[in-house]
C-alpha atoms as a PDB file:
ATOM      1  CA  SER A   1     100.435   4.645 -95.005  1.00  0.00           C
ATOM      2  CA  THR A   2     102.904   2.403 -96.632  1.00  0.00           C
ATOM      3  CA  ASP A   3     101.151   2.825 -99.829  1.00  0.00           C
ATOM      4  CA  ASP A   4     101.510   6.825 -99.556  1.00  0.00           C
ATOM      5  CA  GLU A   5     105.114   6.699 -98.745  1.00  0.00           C
ATOM      6  CA  HIS A   6     105.959   4.369-101.369  1.00  0.00           C
ATOM      7  CA  ALA A   7     104.067   6.537-104.091  1.00  0.00           C
ATOM      8  CA  SER A   8     105.088   9.956-102.832  1.00  0.00           C
ATOM      9  CA  ASN A   9     107.049  10.673-105.810  1.00  0.00           C
ATOM     10  CA  ARG A  10     104.548   9.233-108.107  1.00  0.00           C
ATOM     11  CA  ILE A  11     101.983  10.865-110.347  1.00  0.00           C
ATOM     12  CA  SER A  12      98.552  10.409-108.707  1.00  0.00           C
ATOM     13  CA  ILE A  13      95.603   8.735-111.256  1.00  0.00           C
ATOM     14  CA  VAL A  14      93.132   8.343-108.422  1.00  0.00           C
ATOM     15  CA  GLY A  15      89.957   8.624-110.564  1.00  0.00           C
ATOM     16  CA  ARG A  16      91.482  10.257-113.504  1.00  0.00           C
ATOM     17  CA  ARG A  17      89.914  10.033-116.663  1.00  0.00           C
ATOM     18  CA  ALA A  18      91.842   7.857-119.426  1.00  0.00           C
ATOM     19  CA  SER A  19      93.542   9.414-122.020  1.00  0.00           C
ATOM     20  CA  ALA A  20      91.774   8.865-125.715  1.00  0.00           C
ATOM     21  CA  LEU A  21      94.586   5.885-126.304  1.00  0.00           C
ATOM     22  CA  THR A  22      94.072   4.416-123.010  1.00  0.00           C
ATOM     23  CA  ARG A  23      90.386   4.573-123.311  1.00  0.00           C
ATOM     24  CA  TYR A  24      90.658   2.830-126.740  1.00  0.00           C
ATOM     25  CA  PHE A  25      92.585  -0.077-125.281  1.00  0.00           C
ATOM     26  CA  ALA A  26      90.858  -0.715-122.336  1.00  0.00           C
ATOM     27  CA  LEU A  27      87.394  -0.658-123.887  1.00  0.00           C
ATOM     28  CA  PRO A  28      87.615  -4.585-125.011  1.00  0.00           C
ATOM     29  CA  SER A  29      87.869  -5.591-121.373  1.00  0.00           C
ATOM     30  CA  THR A  30      85.700  -2.856-119.519  1.00  0.00           C
ATOM     31  CA  SER A  31      82.658  -2.163-122.154  1.00  0.00           C
ATOM     32  CA  GLU A  32      79.841  -4.894-122.039  1.00  0.00           C
ATOM     33  CA  GLU A  33      78.929  -3.553-125.741  1.00  0.00           C
ATOM     34  CA  PHE A  34      82.613  -4.443-126.768  1.00  0.00           C
ATOM     35  CA  VAL A  35      82.712  -7.669-124.962  1.00  0.00           C
ATOM     36  CA  LYS A  36      79.467  -9.117-126.533  1.00  0.00           C
ATOM     37  CA  ASN A  37      80.776  -8.204-129.754  1.00  0.00           C
ATOM     38  CA  GLY A  38      83.597 -10.348-129.076  1.00  0.00           C
ATOM     39  CA  LEU A  39      86.385  -7.694-129.363  1.00  0.00           C
ATOM     40  CA  ARG A  40      89.622  -8.793-127.783  1.00  0.00           C
ATOM     41  CA  PRO A  41      92.248  -6.977-125.789  1.00  0.00           C
ATOM     42  CA  THR A  42      95.235  -5.651-127.576  1.00  0.00           C
ATOM     43  CA  LEU A  43      98.174  -7.263-125.102  1.00  0.00           C
ATOM     44  CA  VAL A  44     101.926  -6.745-125.049  1.00  0.00           C
ATOM     45  CA  ASN A  45     104.029  -9.854-124.626  1.00  0.00           C
ATOM     46  CA  ALA A  46     107.445  -9.732-123.089  1.00  0.00           C
ATOM     47  CA  MET A  47     109.822 -12.609-122.508  1.00  0.00           C
ATOM     48  CA  LEU A  48     112.781 -12.819-120.213  1.00  0.00           C
ATOM     49  CA  TYR A  49     115.034 -15.641-119.913  1.00  0.00           C
ATOM     50  CA  PHE A  50     117.302 -16.856-117.212  1.00  0.00           C
ATOM     51  CA  THR A  51     120.152 -19.438-117.223  1.00  0.00           C
ATOM     52  CA  ASP A  52     118.843 -20.728-113.827  1.00  0.00           C
ATOM     53  CA  PRO A  53     116.426 -23.403-114.890  1.00  0.00           C
ATOM     54  CA  ASN A  54     114.440 -22.994-111.379  1.00  0.00           C
ATOM     55  CA  PRO A  55     114.479 -19.613-109.948  1.00  0.00           C
ATOM     56  CA  SER A  56     112.609 -18.642-106.667  1.00  0.00           C
ATOM     57  CA  VAL A  57     108.952 -17.405-107.693  1.00  0.00           C
ATOM     58  CA  GLU A  58     108.690 -16.050-104.215  1.00  0.00           C
ATOM     59  CA  LYS A  59     111.659 -13.819-104.914  1.00  0.00           C
ATOM     60  CA  LEU A  60     110.060 -12.345-107.893  1.00  0.00           C
ATOM     61  CA  ARG A  61     107.014 -11.984-106.625  1.00  0.00           C
ATOM     62  CA  GLN A  62     109.018 -10.074-103.788  1.00  0.00           C
ATOM     63  CA  VAL A  63     110.567  -7.728-106.520  1.00  0.00           C
ATOM     64  CA  PHE A  64     107.207  -7.122-107.805  1.00  0.00           C
ATOM     65  CA  ALA A  65     106.084  -6.175-104.785  1.00  0.00           C
ATOM     66  CA  GLU A  66     108.557  -3.776-104.115  1.00  0.00           C
ATOM     67  CA  ARG A  67     109.261  -2.325-107.391  1.00  0.00           C
ATOM     68  CA  LEU A  68     106.215  -2.790-109.953  1.00  0.00           C
ATOM     69  CA  LEU A  69     103.757  -2.076-107.414  1.00  0.00           C
ATOM     70  CA  ASP A  70     105.519   1.240-106.875  1.00  0.00           C
ATOM     71  CA  LEU A  71     103.657   2.383-110.304  1.00  0.00           C
ATOM     72  CA  PRO A  72     100.237   3.119-109.933  1.00  0.00           C
ATOM     73  CA  ARG A  73      99.046   1.592-113.354  1.00  0.00           C
ATOM     74  CA  PHE A  74     100.146  -1.950-112.020  1.00  0.00           C
ATOM     75  CA  ARG A  75      97.570  -1.836-109.122  1.00  0.00           C
ATOM     76  CA  SER A  76      95.051  -0.118-110.832  1.00  0.00           C
ATOM     77  CA  ASN A  77      91.545  -1.077-112.343  1.00  0.00           C
ATOM     78  CA  PHE A  78      89.977   0.275-115.392  1.00  0.00           C
ATOM     79  CA  ARG A  79      86.134   1.761-114.851  1.00  0.00           C
ATOM     80  CA  PHE A  80      83.933   2.055-117.409  1.00  0.00           C
ATOM     81  CA  ASP A  81      81.434   5.071-117.206  1.00  0.00           C
ATOM     82  CA  LYS A  82      78.196   4.096-119.238  1.00  0.00           C
ATOM     83  CA  GLU A  83      76.738   7.560-118.794  1.00  0.00           C
ATOM     84  CA  THR A  84      79.551   9.309-120.364  1.00  0.00           C
ATOM     85  CA  GLY A  85      81.375   6.415-122.145  1.00  0.00           C
ATOM     86  CA  GLN A  86      84.724   7.493-120.496  1.00  0.00           C
ATOM     87  CA  VAL A  87      87.255   4.900-118.751  1.00  0.00           C
ATOM     88  CA  HIS A  88      88.887   5.671-115.378  1.00  0.00           C
ATOM     89  CA  TRP A  89      91.560   4.653-113.558  1.00  0.00           C
ATOM     90  CA  ASP A  90      90.818   3.275-109.971  1.00  0.00           C
ATOM     91  CA  PRO A  91      93.899   2.641-107.644  1.00  0.00           C
ATOM     92  CA  ILE A  92      93.761  -0.168-105.189  1.00  0.00           C
ATOM     93  CA  SER A  93      96.161  -0.682-102.249  1.00  0.00           C
ATOM     94  CA  ARG A  94      99.310  -2.810-102.345  1.00  0.00           C
ATOM     95  CA  SER A  95      97.742  -5.205 -99.821  1.00  0.00           C
ATOM     96  CA  SER A  96      94.801  -6.045-102.127  1.00  0.00           C
ATOM     97  CA  ILE A  97      97.129  -7.138-105.011  1.00  0.00           C
ATOM     98  CA  ASP A  98      96.950 -10.839-105.434  1.00  0.00           C
ATOM     99  CA  LEU A  99     100.575 -11.754-106.414  1.00  0.00           C
ATOM    100  CA  GLU A 100      99.857 -15.557-106.525  1.00  0.00           C
ATOM    101  CA  TYR A 101      97.197 -14.683-109.196  1.00  0.00           C
ATOM    102  CA  HIS A 102      99.486 -12.074-110.866  1.00  0.00           C
ATOM    103  CA  VAL A 103     102.728 -14.567-110.727  1.00  0.00           C
ATOM    104  CA  GLN A 104     102.133 -17.923-111.522  1.00  0.00           C
ATOM    105  CA  VAL A 105     104.451 -21.073-111.919  1.00  0.00           C
ATOM    106  CA  ILE A 106     104.575 -23.513-114.820  1.00  0.00           C
ATOM    107  CA  ASP A 107     106.848 -26.628-114.715  1.00  0.00           C
ATOM    108  CA  GLY A 108     108.239 -27.298-118.373  1.00  0.00           C
ATOM    109  CA  LYS A 109     109.232 -30.499-117.061  1.00  0.00           C
ATOM    110  CA  ARG A 110     112.504 -30.111-119.417  1.00  0.00           C
ATOM    111  CA  GLU A 111     109.940 -30.596-121.984  1.00  0.00           C
ATOM    112  CA  PHE A 112     109.062 -27.051-122.664  1.00  0.00           C
ATOM    113  CA  ASP A 113     110.549 -25.883-126.316  1.00  0.00           C
ATOM    114  CA  GLU A 114     110.024 -23.049-128.782  1.00  0.00           C
ATOM    115  CA  ASP A 115     106.762 -24.640-129.951  1.00  0.00           C
ATOM    116  CA  SER A 116     105.654 -24.627-126.221  1.00  0.00           C
ATOM    117  CA  VAL A 117     106.338 -20.820-126.183  1.00  0.00           C
ATOM    118  CA  GLN A 118     104.600 -20.516-129.185  1.00  0.00           C
ATOM    119  CA  LYS A 119     101.535 -21.830-127.806  1.00  0.00           C
ATOM    120  CA  LEU A 120     101.902 -19.896-124.441  1.00  0.00           C
ATOM    121  CA  ILE A 121     101.833 -16.732-126.639  1.00  0.00           C
ATOM    122  CA  SER A 122      98.752 -17.503-128.716  1.00  0.00           C
ATOM    123  CA  ASP A 123      96.729 -18.945-125.596  1.00  0.00           C
ATOM    124  CA  SER A 124      97.319 -15.612-124.103  1.00  0.00           C
ATOM    125  CA  TYR A 125      95.357 -13.924-126.595  1.00  0.00           C
ATOM    126  CA  LEU A 126      92.325 -16.619-126.160  1.00  0.00           C
ATOM    127  CA  LYS A 127      92.123 -15.771-122.375  1.00  0.00           C
ATOM    128  CA  ASP A 128      89.781 -13.135-120.960  1.00  0.00           C
ATOM    129  CA  TRP A 129      91.030 -10.875-118.104  1.00  0.00           C
ATOM    130  CA  ASP A 130      89.899 -10.891-114.483  1.00  0.00           C
ATOM    131  CA  VAL A 131      88.673  -7.320-114.964  1.00  0.00           C
ATOM    132  CA  SER A 132      88.390  -7.219-110.764  1.00  0.00           C
ATOM    133  CA  LYS A 133      92.286  -7.130-110.624  1.00  0.00           C
ATOM    134  CA  PRO A 134      94.742  -4.762-112.701  1.00  0.00           C
ATOM    135  CA  LEU A 135      95.372  -6.283-116.125  1.00  0.00           C
ATOM    136  CA  TRP A 136      98.633  -7.623-116.068  1.00  0.00           C
ATOM    137  CA  LYS A 137      99.972 -11.609-115.632  1.00  0.00           C
ATOM    138  CA  MET A 138     103.319 -13.131-115.382  1.00  0.00           C
ATOM    139  CA  HIS A 139     104.093 -16.865-116.277  1.00  0.00           C
ATOM    140  CA  LEU A 140     107.519 -18.245-114.587  1.00  0.00           C
ATOM    141  CA  VAL A 141     108.289 -21.317-116.926  1.00  0.00           C
ATOM    142  CA  THR A 142     110.777 -23.374-114.894  1.00  0.00           C
ATOM    143  CA  ASN A 143     112.892 -26.390-116.329  1.00  0.00           C
ATOM    144  CA  LEU A 144     112.876 -25.759-120.193  1.00  0.00           C
ATOM    145  CA  LYS A 145     114.239 -28.115-122.494  1.00  0.00           C
ATOM    146  CA  ASP A 146     117.246 -26.255-123.155  1.00  0.00           C
ATOM    147  CA  GLY A 147     117.959 -25.954-119.435  1.00  0.00           C
ATOM    148  CA  ARG A 148     116.903 -22.660-118.758  1.00  0.00           C
ATOM    149  CA  SER A 149     113.914 -20.904-117.353  1.00  0.00           C
ATOM    150  CA  LEU A 150     111.583 -17.994-118.780  1.00  0.00           C
ATOM    151  CA  LEU A 151     109.418 -15.309-117.511  1.00  0.00           C
ATOM    152  CA  PHE A 152     106.427 -14.666-119.764  1.00  0.00           C
ATOM    153  CA  CYS A 153     104.740 -11.303-119.305  1.00  0.00           C
ATOM    154  CA  VAL A 154     101.298 -10.776-120.401  1.00  0.00           C
ATOM    155  CA  ILE A 155     100.045  -6.813-119.874  1.00  0.00           C
ATOM    156  CA  ASP A 156      97.078  -5.020-121.345  1.00  0.00           C
ATOM    157  CA  HIS A 157      98.022  -2.190-123.831  1.00  0.00           C
ATOM    158  CA  ALA A 158      95.797  -0.002-121.852  1.00  0.00           C
ATOM    159  CA  ILE A 159      98.392  -0.116-119.283  1.00  0.00           C
ATOM    160  CA  GLY A 160     101.337   1.176-121.555  1.00  0.00           C
ATOM    161  CA  ASP A 161     103.418   0.575-124.948  1.00  0.00           C
ATOM    162  CA  GLY A 162     105.286  -2.019-125.656  1.00  0.00           C
ATOM    163  CA  ILE A 163     108.669  -0.231-125.688  1.00  0.00           C
ATOM    164  CA  ALA A 164     107.863   1.715-122.363  1.00  0.00           C
ATOM    165  CA  LEU A 165     106.748  -1.361-120.618  1.00  0.00           C
ATOM    166  CA  LEU A 166     109.371  -3.556-121.548  1.00  0.00           C
ATOM    167  CA  THR A 167     112.016  -0.892-120.319  1.00  0.00           C
ATOM    168  CA  VAL A 168     110.036  -1.202-117.026  1.00  0.00           C
ATOM    169  CA  MET A 169     110.301  -4.994-116.857  1.00  0.00           C
ATOM    170  CA  LEU A 170     114.137  -4.699-117.584  1.00  0.00           C
ATOM    171  CA  SER A 171     114.693  -2.287-114.836  1.00  0.00           C
ATOM    172  CA  LEU A 172     113.265  -4.667-112.200  1.00  0.00           C
ATOM    173  CA  LEU A 173     116.045  -6.561-113.085  1.00  0.00           C
ATOM    174  CA  ASP A 174     118.951  -4.247-112.354  1.00  0.00           C
ATOM    175  CA  ASP A 175     119.767  -2.518-109.007  1.00  0.00           C
ATOM    176  CA  PRO A 176     118.154   0.594-109.641  1.00  0.00           C
ATOM    177  CA  PRO A 177     119.451   4.073-108.965  1.00  0.00           C
ATOM    178  CA  LEU A 178     118.900   5.873-105.811  1.00  0.00           C
ATOM    179  CA  ASP A 179     116.800   8.893-105.380  1.00  0.00           C
ATOM    180  CA  ASP A 180     117.285  12.048-103.247  1.00  0.00           C
ATOM    181  CA  GLN A 181     116.249  10.218 -99.980  1.00  0.00           C
ATOM    182  CA  GLY A 182     118.171   7.223-100.739  1.00  0.00           C
ATOM    183  CA  LYS A 183     115.326   5.054-102.123  1.00  0.00           C
ATOM    184  CA  GLN A 184     115.384   2.676-105.056  1.00  0.00           C
ATOM    185  CA  LYS A 185     113.911   4.044-108.189  1.00  0.00           C
ATOM    186  CA  VAL A 186     112.008   2.386-110.779  1.00  0.00           C
ATOM    187  CA  LYS A 187     111.945   3.471-114.355  1.00  0.00           C
ATOM    188  CA  SER A 188     108.441   5.016-115.135  1.00  0.00           C
ATOM    189  CA  PHE A 189     106.683   5.819-118.274  1.00  0.00           C
ATOM    190  CA  GLN A 190     104.265   8.381-116.635  1.00  0.00           C
ATOM    191  CA  LYS A 191     104.724  12.213-117.851  1.00  0.00           C
ATOM    192  CA  LYS A 192     103.383  14.907-115.868  1.00  0.00           C
ATOM    193  CA  ARG A 193     100.600  16.720-117.577  1.00  0.00           C
ATOM    194  CA  ARG A 194     101.921  20.187-118.261  1.00  0.00           C
ATOM    195  CA  ALA A 195      99.713  22.921-118.749  1.00  0.00           C
ATOM    196  CA  THR A 196      99.841  25.000-121.714  1.00  0.00           C
ATOM    197  CA  SER A 197      97.936  27.871-123.012  1.00  0.00           C
ATOM    198  CA  THR A 198      98.338  26.407-126.916  1.00  0.00           C
ATOM    199  CA  GLN A 199      95.377  24.241-126.540  1.00  0.00           C
ATOM    200  CA  GLY A 200      95.407  23.773-130.349  1.00  0.00           C
ATOM    201  CA  LEU A 201      98.473  22.440-130.644  1.00  0.00           C
ATOM    202  CA  ARG A 202      98.066  20.388-127.282  1.00  0.00           C
ATOM    203  CA  TRP A 203      94.747  18.868-129.054  1.00  0.00           C
ATOM    204  CA  SER A 204      96.880  18.120-132.617  1.00  0.00           C
ATOM    205  CA  HIS A 205      99.291  15.938-130.163  1.00  0.00           C
ATOM    206  CA  ARG A 206      96.720  14.068-128.947  1.00  0.00           C
ATOM    207  CA  VAL A 207      94.885  13.200-132.279  1.00  0.00           C
ATOM    208  CA  VAL A 208      98.417  11.988-133.923  1.00  0.00           C
ATOM    209  CA  ASN A 209      99.086   9.986-130.862  1.00  0.00           C
ATOM    210  CA  PHE A 210      95.616   8.343-130.732  1.00  0.00           C
ATOM    211  CA  ILE A 211      95.879   7.682-134.547  1.00  0.00           C
ATOM    212  CA  GLY A 212      99.052   6.334-134.349  1.00  0.00           C
ATOM    213  CA  GLY A 213      98.372   4.055-131.529  1.00  0.00           C
ATOM    214  CA  ALA A 214      95.126   2.975-133.004  1.00  0.00           C
ATOM    215  CA  MET A 215      96.612   1.712-136.232  1.00  0.00           C
ATOM    216  CA  ASP A 216      99.376   0.230-134.462  1.00  0.00           C
ATOM    217  CA  GLY A 217      96.736  -1.635-132.286  1.00  0.00           C
ATOM    218  CA  ILE A 218      95.112  -2.671-135.181  1.00  0.00           C
ATOM    219  CA  THR A 219      97.971  -4.018-137.012  1.00  0.00           C
ATOM    220  CA  GLN A 220      99.059  -5.863-133.821  1.00  0.00           C
ATOM    221  CA  ALA A 221      95.598  -7.513-133.658  1.00  0.00           C
ATOM    222  CA  PHE A 222      95.829  -9.088-137.195  1.00  0.00           C
ATOM    223  CA  GLU A 223      99.172 -10.253-136.979  1.00  0.00           C
ATOM    224  CA  PRO A 224      99.765 -13.933-136.103  1.00  0.00           C
ATOM    225  CA  PRO A 225     101.252 -14.097-132.347  1.00  0.00           C
END
């Protein structure tokens, strides 16, 4: 199938149990208990400015369809298992991704300035995710007051950390290198899980990564947008 061809060189996450760190960030969106208690998701925001005041949203959607959706994390939902308390990845087909939902347009009408950008950021923290869809969204703001346009990206921290996600987003704007089959490659933050007999060391790494990520997430949650 087309999905299989595009994902042939990607690491499969079908049904995979999320890591402790991913689970931590996914719970506010997937667990009814967390949602009832009013805990908010931790978001990664990124802004890309363009000199063109009115770029084609259809071309952007095409780029995302061809490159971003090559990464399984951007076409997967999170599923919370009440019995085990674990979170699992549930990949969905490319054809099921609603790019009109994920990539929307806002006309700045030559009035959209820095205060408007700050409000856009603040509002993103107040909106709930549609958990039936992958937890990411882009807003193309055209006709800014300064004559530029803006791509405002909102991605749930459960998908990845800020630096890795920004690297992925920037790689979408360049001509990616070709792989051995002559296909274009998009940078990915996914790493293969290596088998190791040193289970104690592997567990310690997980603990350190979890604590570091948790502290970073808590700090970001209390910082003003």
